[in-house]
Amino acid sequence: MCDTLEKRLSADDKKLLNEITDMQGMLSETMVAESYIQGFCDCTELIIDVMIGSSENLK
């Protein structure tokens, strides 16, 4: 679909489309990394709660 759209765009519009696509890719990578970090932290907290028994829900 991008190839079809690029054929219809001017040079300036193609440049803008490429910038938007690049930014969207960077945003997706950042969101994936943040989700991984949050999941790791949540899992670590759960493991510590189980090992130490510091959570009220585990008593």
Protein backbone atom coordinates (compact mmCIF):
# COMPACT_ATOMS: atom_id res chain seq x y z
CA MET A 1 0.00 0.00 0.00
CA CYS A 2 2.88 2.37 0.77
CA ASP A 3 4.39 1.72 -2.66
CA THR A 4 1.10 2.58 -4.34
CA LEU A 5 0.78 5.74 -2.29
CA GLU A 6 4.38 6.78 -2.96
CA LYS A 7 3.76 6.63 -6.70
CA ARG A 8 1.05 9.27 -6.30
CA LEU A 9 3.00 11.63 -4.05
CA SER A 10 5.35 14.48 -4.84
CA ALA A 11 8.99 14.31 -3.73
CA ASP A 12 8.27 16.44 -0.64
CA ASP A 13 5.26 14.32 0.27
CA LYS A 14 7.32 11.13 -0.11
CA LYS A 15 9.92 12.56 2.25
CA LEU A 16 7.20 13.41 4.78
CA LEU A 17 5.68 9.92 4.47
CA ASN A 18 9.10 8.36 5.08
CA GLU A 19 9.62 10.52 8.17
CA ILE A 20 6.21 9.54 9.53
CA THR A 21 6.92 5.85 8.88
CA ASP A 22 10.32 6.09 10.59
CA MET A 23 8.82 7.83 13.63
CA GLN A 24 6.07 5.23 13.86
CA GLY A 25 8.69 2.48 13.82
CA MET A 26 10.70 4.16 16.58
CA LEU A 27 7.54 4.60 18.65
CA SER A 28 6.67 0.92 18.24
CA GLU A 29 10.17 -0.13 19.30
CA THR A 30 9.97 2.11 22.38
CA MET A 31 6.57 0.73 23.35
CA VAL A 32 7.80 -2.87 23.02
CA ALA A 33 10.85 -2.12 25.17
CA GLU A 34 8.74 -0.38 27.82
CA SER A 35 6.30 -3.30 27.91
CA TYR A 36 9.16 -5.78 28.32
CA ILE A 37 10.68 -3.74 31.15
CA GLN A 38 7.32 -3.42 32.92
CA GLY A 39 6.69 -7.16 32.57
CA PHE A 40 10.14 -7.94 33.95
CA CYS A 41 9.57 -5.63 36.93
CA ASP A 42 6.14 -7.13 37.63
CA CYS A 43 7.53 -10.66 37.50
CA THR A 44 10.46 -9.73 39.75
CA GLU A 45 8.10 -8.18 42.28
CA LEU A 46 5.96 -11.32 42.25
CA ILE A 47 8.99 -13.57 42.79
CA ILE A 48 10.20 -11.42 45.70
CA ASP A 49 6.72 -11.46 47.24
CA VAL A 50 6.59 -15.26 47.00
CA MET A 51 10.10 -15.75 48.39
CA ILE A 52 9.82 -13.24 51.24
CA GLY A 53 6.10 -13.42 51.82
CA SER A 54 5.77 -9.65 52.00
CA SER A 55 2.46 -9.48 50.13
CA GLU A 56 -0.73 -9.50 52.17
CA ASN A 57 -2.38 -11.57 49.41
CA LEU A 58 0.07 -14.42 49.93
CA LYS A 59 -0.45 -14.82 53.67
